[in-house]
Amino acid sequence: MEHLPAVRLPGEVIALNPEIEQPLRDGHKMHAFSSGGGLRVIRIENNDGELVGYGEAPQVEEALEHAALDYQLGHEDYSQQYSGDNARHTHYLTGTTELSSPLDAHLRFGATFDAHKSAEGDGIVVSLAGIKFPPEVPDGLQERVTSTMEKETLEERGVTYSAEPYQFPGGEWGITVKVVANPNDVKTGFYHYTKSGEGQTFADAVADAFEAPETELM
C-alpha cells in the first residue's frame, strides 16, 4: 500500500489563489479530477452544465490558477489556453508524481472533488470523493512485523485484521493482511466514500473536508 509523503496543509497552498473563489460565489460549480495521463483538471460549470472556466496542469494549484484566470477572461477556447501556436499556458501531456499538497495527492491517486457556494451565506462547500481499499496500514506496521516476525492486529470500521509476515517468491519479506473478525458484516472490499467541509474561503473548506468524517456510499 502506498503512503502519502508529508506535505503542506491545503490552506497553506490554496490560500495563495483566492481568485478561484469568485466563480463559486457567482453561483457556479467546480469539478476536479485527474486525467488519464495524470494531469490535474479543473472544470467550472454553470447551472446548465456549460463550461465557464477550465484549467489543467501537472499539479492542482497551478490548474486552479489557470481555471480562475480563464473564468476572469470569459472562458477561452482550449487552443487559446493550451494547444495553439500562441497558447497562454504550457501544454503538458501528463501530470507529475511529485505531490504539492494533500489536495494534489487526493487527485493524483484517482479521487475527485467538487465545490460550490453554500446554500446559506457566502461560504464555500468542498466535497471529496474517492475509492478506498481497506484496511489502511499504519505507518511503521510493516517494518515492525517484518523485524519482529510477530503478527499484529489492527481495527478499522469495526473490522479486525491481522498483519502477518509474508515472504515473497524472490525472498523479500513483507506482510499479508487478513480479516479475523467482522461482527457487523462490514464490506471488506473496496468502497466509495465522500466527505464534505465548509468554510468562508476555499482553503478553509478544503481543510475542513479533510478533517470531516467519511460517509461510505453503497
N, C-alpha and C. Protein backbone atom coordinates (compact mmCIF):
# COMPACT_ATOMS: atom_id res chain seq x y z
N MET A 1 0.85 -1.19 0.00
CA MET A 1 0.00 0.00 0.00
C MET A 1 0.88 1.24 0.00
N GLU A 2 0.56 2.20 -0.87
CA GLU A 2 1.38 3.39 -0.99
C GLU A 2 0.94 4.43 0.02
N HIS A 3 1.90 5.02 0.72
CA HIS A 3 1.60 6.05 1.71
C HIS A 3 1.99 7.41 1.17
N LEU A 4 1.21 8.43 1.48
CA LEU A 4 1.49 9.77 1.01
C LEU A 4 2.62 10.38 1.84
N PRO A 5 3.50 11.12 1.18
CA PRO A 5 4.57 11.78 1.94
C PRO A 5 4.02 12.96 2.73
N ALA A 6 4.82 13.44 3.65
CA ALA A 6 4.41 14.61 4.42
C ALA A 6 4.43 15.83 3.49
N VAL A 7 3.31 16.51 3.38
CA VAL A 7 3.20 17.68 2.51
C VAL A 7 2.53 18.81 3.25
N ARG A 8 2.47 19.96 2.63
CA ARG A 8 1.89 21.12 3.28
C ARG A 8 0.38 20.98 3.45
N LEU A 9 -0.14 21.67 4.44
CA LEU A 9 -1.58 21.68 4.64
C LEU A 9 -2.25 22.40 3.49
N PRO A 10 -3.48 22.00 3.14
CA PRO A 10 -4.15 22.62 1.99
C PRO A 10 -4.21 24.13 2.07
N GLY A 11 -4.53 24.69 3.22
CA GLY A 11 -4.69 26.13 3.34
C GLY A 11 -3.42 26.90 3.07
N GLU A 12 -2.26 26.28 3.32
CA GLU A 12 -1.01 26.98 3.12
C GLU A 12 -0.70 27.20 1.64
N VAL A 13 -1.33 26.36 0.79
CA VAL A 13 -1.07 26.44 -0.63
C VAL A 13 -2.19 27.18 -1.35
N ILE A 14 -3.42 26.73 -1.15
CA ILE A 14 -4.53 27.22 -1.94
C ILE A 14 -4.94 28.63 -1.55
N ALA A 15 -4.63 29.05 -0.34
CA ALA A 15 -4.96 30.41 0.07
C ALA A 15 -4.24 31.44 -0.80
N LEU A 16 -3.19 31.02 -1.51
CA LEU A 16 -2.47 31.93 -2.39
C LEU A 16 -3.28 32.23 -3.65
N ASN A 17 -4.35 31.49 -3.90
CA ASN A 17 -5.14 31.65 -5.11
C ASN A 17 -6.59 31.97 -4.79
N PRO A 18 -6.88 33.07 -4.11
CA PRO A 18 -8.27 33.35 -3.72
C PRO A 18 -9.17 33.66 -4.91
N GLU A 19 -8.59 33.94 -6.09
CA GLU A 19 -9.40 34.24 -7.26
C GLU A 19 -10.32 33.08 -7.63
N ILE A 20 -9.94 31.86 -7.25
CA ILE A 20 -10.76 30.70 -7.60
C ILE A 20 -12.11 30.75 -6.89
N GLU A 21 -12.23 31.56 -5.86
CA GLU A 21 -13.49 31.64 -5.13
C GLU A 21 -14.55 32.43 -5.89
N GLN A 22 -14.15 33.33 -6.80
CA GLN A 22 -15.13 34.20 -7.45
C GLN A 22 -16.18 33.43 -8.23
N PRO A 23 -15.81 32.46 -9.10
CA PRO A 23 -16.86 31.73 -9.81
C PRO A 23 -17.79 30.96 -8.88
N LEU A 24 -17.28 30.50 -7.74
CA LEU A 24 -18.13 29.79 -6.79
C LEU A 24 -19.11 30.76 -6.15
N ARG A 25 -18.63 31.94 -5.78
CA ARG A 25 -19.52 32.94 -5.18
C ARG A 25 -20.52 33.47 -6.21
N ASP A 26 -20.20 33.34 -7.50
CA ASP A 26 -21.13 33.74 -8.55
C ASP A 26 -22.18 32.67 -8.83
N GLY A 27 -22.09 31.56 -8.10
CA GLY A 27 -23.10 30.51 -8.24
C GLY A 27 -22.73 29.35 -9.14
N HIS A 28 -21.49 29.31 -9.60
CA HIS A 28 -21.05 28.22 -10.46
C HIS A 28 -20.49 27.05 -9.63
N LYS A 29 -20.29 25.93 -10.30
CA LYS A 29 -19.83 24.72 -9.61
C LYS A 29 -18.49 24.27 -10.19
N MET A 30 -17.67 23.73 -9.33
CA MET A 30 -16.35 23.25 -9.73
C MET A 30 -16.28 21.73 -9.59
N HIS A 31 -15.67 21.09 -10.58
CA HIS A 31 -15.41 19.66 -10.51
C HIS A 31 -13.95 19.44 -10.86
N ALA A 32 -13.25 18.63 -10.07
CA ALA A 32 -11.82 18.39 -10.28
C ALA A 32 -11.55 16.90 -10.31
N PHE A 33 -10.63 16.51 -11.19
CA PHE A 33 -10.27 15.10 -11.32
C PHE A 33 -8.90 15.01 -11.97
N SER A 34 -8.40 13.80 -12.09
CA SER A 34 -7.12 13.56 -12.74
C SER A 34 -7.37 12.92 -14.10
N SER A 35 -6.69 13.40 -15.13
CA SER A 35 -6.85 12.85 -16.47
C SER A 35 -6.16 11.49 -16.56
N GLY A 36 -6.34 10.83 -17.69
CA GLY A 36 -5.69 9.54 -17.89
C GLY A 36 -4.18 9.63 -17.79
N GLY A 37 -3.63 10.79 -18.15
CA GLY A 37 -2.19 11.00 -18.07
C GLY A 37 -1.73 11.58 -16.76
N GLY A 38 -2.66 11.76 -15.83
CA GLY A 38 -2.30 12.27 -14.51
C GLY A 38 -2.35 13.78 -14.37
N LEU A 39 -2.77 14.50 -15.42
CA LEU A 39 -2.93 15.95 -15.27
C LEU A 39 -4.07 16.23 -14.30
N ARG A 40 -3.90 17.26 -13.46
CA ARG A 40 -4.98 17.68 -12.58
C ARG A 40 -5.88 18.64 -13.38
N VAL A 41 -7.16 18.33 -13.44
CA VAL A 41 -8.09 19.06 -14.30
C VAL A 41 -9.15 19.74 -13.44
N ILE A 42 -9.40 21.02 -13.72
CA ILE A 42 -10.43 21.80 -13.03
C ILE A 42 -11.46 22.26 -14.05
N ARG A 43 -12.71 21.92 -13.83
CA ARG A 43 -13.81 22.37 -14.68
C ARG A 43 -14.76 23.22 -13.83
N ILE A 44 -15.12 24.39 -14.32
CA ILE A 44 -16.11 25.25 -13.67
C ILE A 44 -17.30 25.37 -14.61
N GLU A 45 -18.47 24.98 -14.12
CA GLU A 45 -19.66 24.94 -14.97
C GLU A 45 -20.78 25.77 -14.35
N ASN A 46 -21.64 26.31 -15.22
CA ASN A 46 -22.82 27.00 -14.72
C ASN A 46 -23.93 25.99 -14.46
N ASN A 47 -25.09 26.46 -14.08
CA ASN A 47 -26.18 25.55 -13.73
C ASN A 47 -26.72 24.77 -14.91
N ASP A 48 -26.41 25.19 -16.12
CA ASP A 48 -26.83 24.47 -17.32
C ASP A 48 -25.78 23.47 -17.78
N GLY A 49 -24.71 23.33 -17.01
CA GLY A 49 -23.64 22.40 -17.36
C GLY A 49 -22.67 22.95 -18.40
N GLU A 50 -22.76 24.25 -18.68
CA GLU A 50 -21.87 24.85 -19.67
C GLU A 50 -20.56 25.25 -19.00
N LEU A 51 -19.46 25.03 -19.71
CA LEU A 51 -18.14 25.33 -19.18
C LEU A 51 -17.90 26.83 -19.17
N VAL A 52 -17.55 27.38 -18.00
CA VAL A 52 -17.27 28.81 -17.89
C VAL A 52 -15.84 29.06 -17.40
N GLY A 53 -15.12 28.00 -17.08
CA GLY A 53 -13.73 28.13 -16.65
C GLY A 53 -13.06 26.77 -16.70
N TYR A 54 -11.79 26.74 -17.13
CA TYR A 54 -11.10 25.46 -17.27
C TYR A 54 -9.62 25.65 -16.98
N GLY A 55 -9.03 24.63 -16.35
CA GLY A 55 -7.60 24.63 -16.12
C GLY A 55 -7.06 23.22 -16.02
N GLU A 56 -5.85 23.02 -16.50
CA GLU A 56 -5.17 21.73 -16.35
C GLU A 56 -3.69 22.00 -16.17
N ALA A 57 -3.06 21.18 -15.36
CA ALA A 57 -1.63 21.37 -15.07
C ALA A 57 -1.11 20.13 -14.36
N PRO A 58 0.20 19.99 -14.24
CA PRO A 58 0.77 18.83 -13.55
C PRO A 58 0.39 18.75 -12.08
N GLN A 59 0.10 19.89 -11.43
CA GLN A 59 -0.31 19.90 -10.02
C GLN A 59 -1.55 20.77 -9.86
N VAL A 60 -2.32 20.50 -8.81
CA VAL A 60 -3.64 21.12 -8.68
C VAL A 60 -3.58 22.62 -8.48
N GLU A 61 -2.58 23.14 -7.77
CA GLU A 61 -2.54 24.58 -7.51
C GLU A 61 -2.43 25.38 -8.80
N GLU A 62 -1.61 24.92 -9.72
CA GLU A 62 -1.46 25.60 -11.00
C GLU A 62 -2.74 25.46 -11.83
N ALA A 63 -3.36 24.29 -11.78
CA ALA A 63 -4.61 24.10 -12.51
C ALA A 63 -5.70 25.02 -11.99
N LEU A 64 -5.74 25.24 -10.68
CA LEU A 64 -6.70 26.18 -10.10
C LEU A 64 -6.43 27.60 -10.57
N GLU A 65 -5.17 27.98 -10.64
CA GLU A 65 -4.83 29.32 -11.13
C GLU A 65 -5.29 29.50 -12.58
N HIS A 66 -5.06 28.48 -13.41
CA HIS A 66 -5.48 28.56 -14.81
C HIS A 66 -7.00 28.69 -14.92
N ALA A 67 -7.72 27.91 -14.13
CA ALA A 67 -9.19 27.96 -14.19
C ALA A 67 -9.71 29.30 -13.72
N ALA A 68 -9.10 29.86 -12.69
CA ALA A 68 -9.54 31.16 -12.19
C ALA A 68 -9.31 32.24 -13.24
N LEU A 69 -8.15 32.20 -13.89
CA LEU A 69 -7.85 33.18 -14.93
C LEU A 69 -8.78 33.01 -16.12
N ASP A 70 -9.02 31.77 -16.51
CA ASP A 70 -9.91 31.51 -17.64
C ASP A 70 -11.31 32.04 -17.38
N TYR A 71 -11.78 31.89 -16.15
CA TYR A 71 -13.09 32.43 -15.79
C TYR A 71 -13.10 33.96 -15.89
N GLN A 72 -12.04 34.59 -15.40
CA GLN A 72 -11.95 36.05 -15.45
C GLN A 72 -11.95 36.56 -16.89
N LEU A 73 -11.38 35.76 -17.79
CA LEU A 73 -11.29 36.16 -19.20
C LEU A 73 -12.53 35.78 -20.00
N GLY A 74 -13.53 35.20 -19.35
CA GLY A 74 -14.75 34.83 -20.05
C GLY A 74 -14.70 33.48 -20.72
N HIS A 75 -13.74 32.65 -20.37
CA HIS A 75 -13.53 31.29 -20.86
C HIS A 75 -13.06 31.27 -22.32
N GLU A 76 -11.78 31.05 -22.48
CA GLU A 76 -11.17 30.95 -23.80
C GLU A 76 -11.27 29.52 -24.33
N ASP A 77 -11.11 29.38 -25.66
CA ASP A 77 -11.05 28.05 -26.27
C ASP A 77 -9.81 27.31 -25.77
N TYR A 78 -9.88 25.98 -25.85
CA TYR A 78 -8.75 25.18 -25.40
C TYR A 78 -7.48 25.54 -26.15
N SER A 79 -7.61 25.81 -27.46
CA SER A 79 -6.43 26.15 -28.25
C SER A 79 -5.79 27.44 -27.77
N GLN A 80 -6.61 28.39 -27.32
CA GLN A 80 -6.07 29.64 -26.80
C GLN A 80 -5.34 29.41 -25.48
N GLN A 81 -5.83 28.47 -24.72
CA GLN A 81 -5.20 28.20 -23.43
C GLN A 81 -3.96 27.32 -23.55
N TYR A 82 -4.05 26.25 -24.36
CA TYR A 82 -3.01 25.23 -24.28
C TYR A 82 -2.39 24.76 -25.61
N SER A 83 -3.18 24.61 -26.66
CA SER A 83 -2.65 23.89 -27.82
C SER A 83 -2.35 24.74 -29.03
N GLY A 84 -2.72 26.02 -29.03
CA GLY A 84 -2.46 26.87 -30.20
C GLY A 84 -1.02 27.35 -30.26
N ASP A 85 -0.68 27.98 -31.39
CA ASP A 85 0.68 28.48 -31.58
C ASP A 85 1.06 29.53 -30.53
N ASN A 86 0.10 30.32 -30.12
CA ASN A 86 0.34 31.37 -29.12
C ASN A 86 -0.44 31.08 -27.83
N ALA A 87 -0.48 29.82 -27.45
CA ALA A 87 -1.25 29.42 -26.28
C ALA A 87 -0.76 30.13 -25.03
N ARG A 88 -1.70 30.39 -24.14
CA ARG A 88 -1.40 31.13 -22.91
C ARG A 88 -0.53 30.33 -21.95
N HIS A 89 -0.74 29.01 -21.91
CA HIS A 89 -0.03 28.17 -20.94
C HIS A 89 0.74 27.06 -21.65
N THR A 90 1.73 26.51 -20.97
CA THR A 90 2.44 25.34 -21.47
C THR A 90 1.49 24.15 -21.55
N HIS A 91 1.58 23.41 -22.64
CA HIS A 91 0.70 22.26 -22.84
C HIS A 91 1.39 20.99 -22.35
N TYR A 92 1.13 20.62 -21.11
CA TYR A 92 1.66 19.38 -20.55
C TYR A 92 0.77 18.21 -20.95
N LEU A 93 1.39 17.07 -21.20
CA LEU A 93 0.63 15.88 -21.56
C LEU A 93 0.33 15.00 -20.36
N THR A 94 1.17 15.09 -19.35
CA THR A 94 0.99 14.25 -18.16
C THR A 94 1.20 15.07 -16.89
N GLY A 95 0.66 14.55 -15.79
CA GLY A 95 0.89 15.16 -14.50
C GLY A 95 2.21 14.70 -13.92
N THR A 96 2.47 15.14 -12.71
CA THR A 96 3.71 14.75 -12.04
C THR A 96 3.39 13.86 -10.85
N THR A 97 4.34 13.00 -10.51
CA THR A 97 4.17 12.15 -9.33
C THR A 97 4.56 12.90 -8.06
N GLU A 98 5.18 14.08 -8.22
CA GLU A 98 5.53 14.89 -7.06
C GLU A 98 4.26 15.56 -6.52
N LEU A 99 4.01 15.42 -5.24
CA LEU A 99 2.77 15.89 -4.64
C LEU A 99 3.00 17.22 -3.94
N SER A 100 2.18 18.22 -4.28
CA SER A 100 2.37 19.55 -3.73
C SER A 100 1.54 19.81 -2.49
N SER A 101 0.51 19.02 -2.24
CA SER A 101 -0.39 19.23 -1.10
C SER A 101 -1.27 18.01 -0.94
N PRO A 102 -1.97 17.88 0.19
CA PRO A 102 -2.92 16.78 0.32
C PRO A 102 -4.00 16.80 -0.75
N LEU A 103 -4.44 17.98 -1.17
CA LEU A 103 -5.45 18.05 -2.22
C LEU A 103 -4.88 17.55 -3.54
N ASP A 104 -3.64 17.87 -3.83
CA ASP A 104 -2.99 17.38 -5.03
C ASP A 104 -2.85 15.85 -4.98
N ALA A 105 -2.47 15.33 -3.82
CA ALA A 105 -2.36 13.88 -3.66
C ALA A 105 -3.71 13.21 -3.84
N HIS A 106 -4.76 13.86 -3.36
CA HIS A 106 -6.12 13.32 -3.49
C HIS A 106 -6.46 13.09 -4.96
N LEU A 107 -6.16 14.06 -5.82
CA LEU A 107 -6.43 13.91 -7.24
C LEU A 107 -5.46 12.94 -7.89
N ARG A 108 -4.21 12.99 -7.49
CA ARG A 108 -3.17 12.15 -8.10
C ARG A 108 -3.51 10.68 -8.01
N PHE A 109 -4.17 10.28 -6.92
CA PHE A 109 -4.47 8.86 -6.73
C PHE A 109 -5.90 8.52 -7.15
N GLY A 110 -6.45 9.30 -8.09
CA GLY A 110 -7.69 8.90 -8.75
C GLY A 110 -8.97 9.38 -8.13
N ALA A 111 -8.91 10.17 -7.08
CA ALA A 111 -10.14 10.67 -6.46
C ALA A 111 -10.55 11.99 -7.11
N THR A 112 -11.66 12.56 -6.66
CA THR A 112 -12.19 13.80 -7.23
C THR A 112 -12.59 14.75 -6.11
N PHE A 113 -12.87 16.00 -6.48
CA PHE A 113 -13.51 16.89 -5.53
C PHE A 113 -14.43 17.84 -6.27
N ASP A 114 -15.45 18.33 -5.56
CA ASP A 114 -16.40 19.29 -6.09
C ASP A 114 -16.51 20.45 -5.12
N ALA A 115 -16.86 21.61 -5.64
CA ALA A 115 -17.01 22.79 -4.79
C ALA A 115 -18.15 23.65 -5.30
N HIS A 116 -18.84 24.31 -4.38
CA HIS A 116 -19.92 25.22 -4.73
C HIS A 116 -20.17 26.17 -3.57
N LYS A 117 -20.94 27.19 -3.81
CA LYS A 117 -21.30 28.13 -2.77
C LYS A 117 -22.28 27.47 -1.83
N SER A 118 -22.16 27.74 -0.53
CA SER A 118 -23.07 27.14 0.44
C SER A 118 -24.48 27.67 0.24
N ALA A 119 -25.46 26.88 0.64
CA ALA A 119 -26.86 27.25 0.43
C ALA A 119 -27.24 28.49 1.22
N GLU A 120 -26.62 28.67 2.36
CA GLU A 120 -26.88 29.85 3.19
C GLU A 120 -25.59 30.63 3.39
N GLY A 121 -25.67 31.92 3.26
CA GLY A 121 -24.49 32.75 3.45
C GLY A 121 -23.59 32.73 2.23
N ASP A 122 -22.35 33.19 2.44
CA ASP A 122 -21.40 33.32 1.34
C ASP A 122 -20.24 32.35 1.49
N GLY A 123 -20.45 31.28 2.27
CA GLY A 123 -19.40 30.29 2.46
C GLY A 123 -19.24 29.39 1.26
N ILE A 124 -18.26 28.51 1.33
CA ILE A 124 -17.95 27.58 0.25
C ILE A 124 -17.95 26.16 0.80
N VAL A 125 -18.50 25.25 0.02
CA VAL A 125 -18.55 23.83 0.39
C VAL A 125 -17.64 23.05 -0.57
N VAL A 126 -16.81 22.19 -0.02
CA VAL A 126 -15.95 21.31 -0.81
C VAL A 126 -16.25 19.87 -0.41
N SER A 127 -16.47 19.04 -1.41
CA SER A 127 -16.75 17.61 -1.17
C SER A 127 -15.67 16.77 -1.85
N LEU A 128 -15.01 15.94 -1.05
CA LEU A 128 -14.02 15.00 -1.56
C LEU A 128 -14.70 13.66 -1.80
N ALA A 129 -14.32 12.97 -2.86
CA ALA A 129 -14.89 11.66 -3.15
C ALA A 129 -13.82 10.75 -3.72
N GLY A 130 -13.93 9.46 -3.42
CA GLY A 130 -12.94 8.53 -3.94
C GLY A 130 -13.28 7.10 -3.60
N ILE A 131 -12.30 6.25 -3.79
CA ILE A 131 -12.42 4.82 -3.51
C ILE A 131 -11.31 4.43 -2.53
N LYS A 132 -11.65 3.62 -1.55
CA LYS A 132 -10.65 3.14 -0.61
C LYS A 132 -10.63 1.61 -0.62
N PHE A 133 -9.45 1.10 -0.34
CA PHE A 133 -9.24 -0.35 -0.30
C PHE A 133 -8.76 -0.69 1.11
N PRO A 134 -9.68 -1.02 2.00
CA PRO A 134 -9.29 -1.26 3.39
C PRO A 134 -8.46 -2.54 3.52
N PRO A 135 -7.67 -2.60 4.63
CA PRO A 135 -7.52 -1.56 5.64
C PRO A 135 -6.40 -0.60 5.28
N GLU A 136 -6.37 0.56 5.92
CA GLU A 136 -5.27 1.50 5.76
C GLU A 136 -4.18 1.09 6.75
N VAL A 137 -3.07 0.61 6.23
CA VAL A 137 -1.99 0.10 7.09
C VAL A 137 -1.24 1.28 7.71
N PRO A 138 -1.18 1.37 9.03
CA PRO A 138 -0.49 2.50 9.69
C PRO A 138 1.00 2.52 9.36
N ASP A 139 1.55 3.71 9.34
CA ASP A 139 3.00 3.86 9.12
C ASP A 139 3.75 3.07 10.18
N GLY A 140 4.74 2.34 9.75
CA GLY A 140 5.60 1.61 10.66
C GLY A 140 5.16 0.18 10.94
N LEU A 141 3.92 -0.16 10.63
CA LEU A 141 3.45 -1.50 10.97
C LEU A 141 4.20 -2.58 10.18
N GLN A 142 4.37 -2.37 8.88
CA GLN A 142 5.08 -3.38 8.08
C GLN A 142 6.50 -3.57 8.59
N GLU A 143 7.16 -2.47 8.91
CA GLU A 143 8.54 -2.57 9.40
C GLU A 143 8.60 -3.33 10.72
N ARG A 144 7.64 -3.09 11.62
CA ARG A 144 7.63 -3.79 12.90
C ARG A 144 7.40 -5.28 12.72
N VAL A 145 6.43 -5.62 11.88
CA VAL A 145 6.09 -7.03 11.70
C VAL A 145 7.24 -7.80 11.06
N THR A 146 7.88 -7.20 10.06
CA THR A 146 8.97 -7.91 9.38
C THR A 146 10.24 -7.95 10.21
N SER A 147 10.38 -7.03 11.16
CA SER A 147 11.58 -7.07 12.01
C SER A 147 11.42 -8.03 13.18
N THR A 148 10.19 -8.11 13.72
CA THR A 148 9.96 -8.99 14.87
C THR A 148 9.45 -10.37 14.46
N MET A 149 8.94 -10.46 13.23
CA MET A 149 8.31 -11.69 12.73
C MET A 149 7.13 -12.11 13.60
N GLU A 150 6.50 -11.12 14.22
CA GLU A 150 5.31 -11.36 15.03
C GLU A 150 4.12 -10.63 14.40
N LYS A 151 2.99 -11.30 14.36
CA LYS A 151 1.82 -10.67 13.76
C LYS A 151 1.26 -9.58 14.69
N GLU A 152 0.58 -8.60 14.08
CA GLU A 152 -0.09 -7.55 14.83
C GLU A 152 -1.52 -7.42 14.31
N THR A 153 -2.40 -6.94 15.18
CA THR A 153 -3.78 -6.73 14.76
C THR A 153 -4.05 -5.24 14.63
N LEU A 154 -4.99 -4.89 13.78
CA LEU A 154 -5.45 -3.52 13.64
C LEU A 154 -6.94 -3.55 13.38
N GLU A 155 -7.62 -2.48 13.76
CA GLU A 155 -9.07 -2.42 13.61
C GLU A 155 -9.44 -1.19 12.79
N GLU A 156 -10.36 -1.38 11.86
CA GLU A 156 -10.84 -0.29 11.01
C GLU A 156 -12.29 -0.55 10.64
N ARG A 157 -13.15 0.44 10.87
CA ARG A 157 -14.57 0.35 10.54
C ARG A 157 -15.24 -0.84 11.23
N GLY A 158 -14.76 -1.20 12.41
CA GLY A 158 -15.34 -2.31 13.16
C GLY A 158 -14.83 -3.68 12.75
N VAL A 159 -13.91 -3.73 11.81
CA VAL A 159 -13.33 -4.99 11.34
C VAL A 159 -11.94 -5.15 11.94
N THR A 160 -11.63 -6.33 12.44
CA THR A 160 -10.30 -6.61 12.98
C THR A 160 -9.49 -7.37 11.94
N TYR A 161 -8.30 -6.89 11.69
CA TYR A 161 -7.40 -7.50 10.71
C TYR A 161 -6.15 -8.01 11.42
N SER A 162 -5.53 -8.99 10.82
CA SER A 162 -4.25 -9.49 11.31
C SER A 162 -3.20 -9.25 10.23
N ALA A 163 -2.13 -8.58 10.61
CA ALA A 163 -1.00 -8.34 9.71
C ALA A 163 0.10 -9.31 10.08
N GLU A 164 0.48 -10.16 9.15
CA GLU A 164 1.43 -11.23 9.43
C GLU A 164 2.59 -11.19 8.44
N PRO A 165 3.77 -11.68 8.85
CA PRO A 165 4.93 -11.70 7.93
C PRO A 165 4.62 -12.57 6.72
N TYR A 166 5.13 -12.13 5.56
CA TYR A 166 4.93 -12.89 4.32
C TYR A 166 6.18 -12.77 3.46
N GLN A 167 6.71 -13.92 3.03
CA GLN A 167 7.91 -13.91 2.21
C GLN A 167 7.52 -14.08 0.74
N PHE A 168 7.91 -13.11 -0.07
CA PHE A 168 7.61 -13.16 -1.49
C PHE A 168 8.51 -14.18 -2.18
N PRO A 169 8.12 -14.64 -3.38
CA PRO A 169 8.93 -15.65 -4.09
C PRO A 169 10.39 -15.25 -4.26
N GLY A 170 10.66 -13.96 -4.37
CA GLY A 170 12.05 -13.52 -4.55
C GLY A 170 12.85 -13.51 -3.26
N GLY A 171 12.21 -13.81 -2.14
CA GLY A 171 12.90 -13.85 -0.86
C GLY A 171 12.67 -12.64 0.01
N GLU A 172 12.11 -11.56 -0.56
CA GLU A 172 11.88 -10.34 0.22
C GLU A 172 10.70 -10.53 1.16
N TRP A 173 10.81 -9.93 2.36
CA TRP A 173 9.74 -10.06 3.34
C TRP A 173 8.83 -8.84 3.31
N GLY A 174 7.54 -9.12 3.41
CA GLY A 174 6.53 -8.09 3.51
C GLY A 174 5.47 -8.56 4.49
N ILE A 175 4.25 -8.07 4.34
CA ILE A 175 3.16 -8.52 5.21
C ILE A 175 1.95 -8.89 4.39
N THR A 176 1.15 -9.74 4.94
CA THR A 176 -0.17 -10.04 4.40
C THR A 176 -1.20 -9.67 5.46
N VAL A 177 -2.31 -9.10 5.02
CA VAL A 177 -3.33 -8.63 5.95
C VAL A 177 -4.63 -9.37 5.66
N LYS A 178 -5.22 -9.97 6.69
CA LYS A 178 -6.45 -10.73 6.50
C LYS A 178 -7.45 -10.43 7.61
N VAL A 179 -8.71 -10.62 7.30
CA VAL A 179 -9.79 -10.38 8.26
C VAL A 179 -9.83 -11.52 9.28
N VAL A 180 -9.89 -11.15 10.57
CA VAL A 180 -10.03 -12.17 11.61
C VAL A 180 -11.34 -12.02 12.38
N ALA A 181 -11.97 -10.86 12.29
CA ALA A 181 -13.26 -10.66 12.96
C ALA A 181 -14.03 -9.55 12.26
N ASN A 182 -15.30 -9.82 11.96
CA ASN A 182 -16.15 -8.84 11.29
C ASN A 182 -17.57 -8.99 11.83
N PRO A 183 -17.79 -8.63 13.10
CA PRO A 183 -19.07 -8.89 13.76
C PRO A 183 -20.27 -8.17 13.12
N ASN A 184 -20.02 -7.05 12.46
CA ASN A 184 -21.13 -6.30 11.87
C ASN A 184 -21.27 -6.56 10.37
N ASP A 185 -20.53 -7.54 9.87
CA ASP A 185 -20.61 -7.92 8.45
C ASP A 185 -20.37 -6.72 7.54
N VAL A 186 -19.34 -5.94 7.87
CA VAL A 186 -18.98 -4.77 7.05
C VAL A 186 -18.33 -5.24 5.76
N LYS A 187 -18.61 -4.54 4.68
CA LYS A 187 -17.99 -4.86 3.40
C LYS A 187 -16.49 -4.64 3.51
N THR A 188 -15.69 -5.65 3.21
CA THR A 188 -14.24 -5.55 3.39
C THR A 188 -13.50 -5.35 2.07
N GLY A 189 -14.23 -5.32 0.94
CA GLY A 189 -13.60 -4.97 -0.32
C GLY A 189 -13.53 -3.47 -0.46
N PHE A 190 -13.24 -2.99 -1.65
CA PHE A 190 -13.15 -1.54 -1.85
C PHE A 190 -14.53 -0.90 -1.68
N TYR A 191 -14.53 0.36 -1.30
CA TYR A 191 -15.79 1.08 -1.14
C TYR A 191 -15.61 2.53 -1.56
N HIS A 192 -16.70 3.13 -2.00
CA HIS A 192 -16.71 4.54 -2.37
C HIS A 192 -17.05 5.37 -1.14
N TYR A 193 -16.46 6.54 -1.05
CA TYR A 193 -16.71 7.40 0.10
C TYR A 193 -16.82 8.84 -0.34
N THR A 194 -17.40 9.65 0.50
CA THR A 194 -17.40 11.09 0.32
C THR A 194 -17.25 11.76 1.67
N LYS A 195 -16.71 12.95 1.70
CA LYS A 195 -16.58 13.73 2.92
C LYS A 195 -16.59 15.19 2.53
N SER A 196 -17.31 16.00 3.30
CA SER A 196 -17.52 17.39 2.92
C SER A 196 -17.09 18.34 4.03
N GLY A 197 -16.67 19.53 3.61
CA GLY A 197 -16.29 20.58 4.55
C GLY A 197 -16.79 21.92 4.06
N GLU A 198 -16.91 22.86 4.97
CA GLU A 198 -17.40 24.19 4.63
C GLU A 198 -16.55 25.24 5.32
N GLY A 199 -16.37 26.37 4.66
CA GLY A 199 -15.59 27.45 5.25
C GLY A 199 -15.86 28.75 4.53
N GLN A 200 -15.36 29.82 5.09
CA GLN A 200 -15.55 31.13 4.47
C GLN A 200 -14.65 31.32 3.24
N THR A 201 -13.59 30.53 3.14
CA THR A 201 -12.73 30.56 1.97
C THR A 201 -12.63 29.15 1.39
N PHE A 202 -12.15 29.08 0.16
CA PHE A 202 -11.94 27.79 -0.48
C PHE A 202 -10.94 26.96 0.32
N ALA A 203 -9.86 27.60 0.75
CA ALA A 203 -8.84 26.89 1.52
C ALA A 203 -9.40 26.32 2.81
N ASP A 204 -10.21 27.12 3.52
CA ASP A 204 -10.81 26.65 4.76
C ASP A 204 -11.74 25.47 4.52
N ALA A 205 -12.49 25.53 3.43
CA ALA A 205 -13.42 24.44 3.12
C ALA A 205 -12.67 23.15 2.79
N VAL A 206 -11.55 23.28 2.07
CA VAL A 206 -10.72 22.11 1.76
C VAL A 206 -10.18 21.48 3.03
N ALA A 207 -9.63 22.32 3.91
CA ALA A 207 -9.07 21.81 5.16
C ALA A 207 -10.15 21.14 6.01
N ASP A 208 -11.34 21.74 6.04
CA ASP A 208 -12.44 21.17 6.81
C ASP A 208 -12.89 19.84 6.23
N ALA A 209 -12.87 19.73 4.91
CA ALA A 209 -13.27 18.47 4.25
C ALA A 209 -12.32 17.34 4.61
N PHE A 210 -11.03 17.64 4.66
CA PHE A 210 -10.06 16.61 5.00
C PHE A 210 -10.22 16.12 6.44
N GLU A 211 -10.71 16.99 7.30
CA GLU A 211 -10.92 16.62 8.70
C GLU A 211 -12.27 15.97 8.95
N ALA A 212 -13.17 16.06 7.99
CA ALA A 212 -14.54 15.55 8.18
C ALA A 212 -14.59 14.03 8.19
N PRO A 213 -15.58 13.46 8.87
CA PRO A 213 -15.75 12.01 8.84
C PRO A 213 -16.22 11.54 7.46
N GLU A 214 -15.87 10.32 7.13
CA GLU A 214 -16.29 9.74 5.84
C GLU A 214 -17.74 9.30 5.87
N THR A 215 -18.41 9.44 4.75
CA THR A 215 -19.70 8.81 4.51
C THR A 215 -19.48 7.72 3.49
N GLU A 216 -19.70 6.49 3.87
CA GLU A 216 -19.49 5.38 2.97
C GLU A 216 -20.70 5.21 2.07
N LEU A 217 -20.44 5.15 0.76
CA LEU A 217 -21.52 5.05 -0.23
C LEU A 217 -21.74 3.59 -0.59
N MET A 218 -22.97 3.25 -0.75
CA MET A 218 -23.31 1.87 -1.10
C MET A 218 -23.10 1.64 -2.60
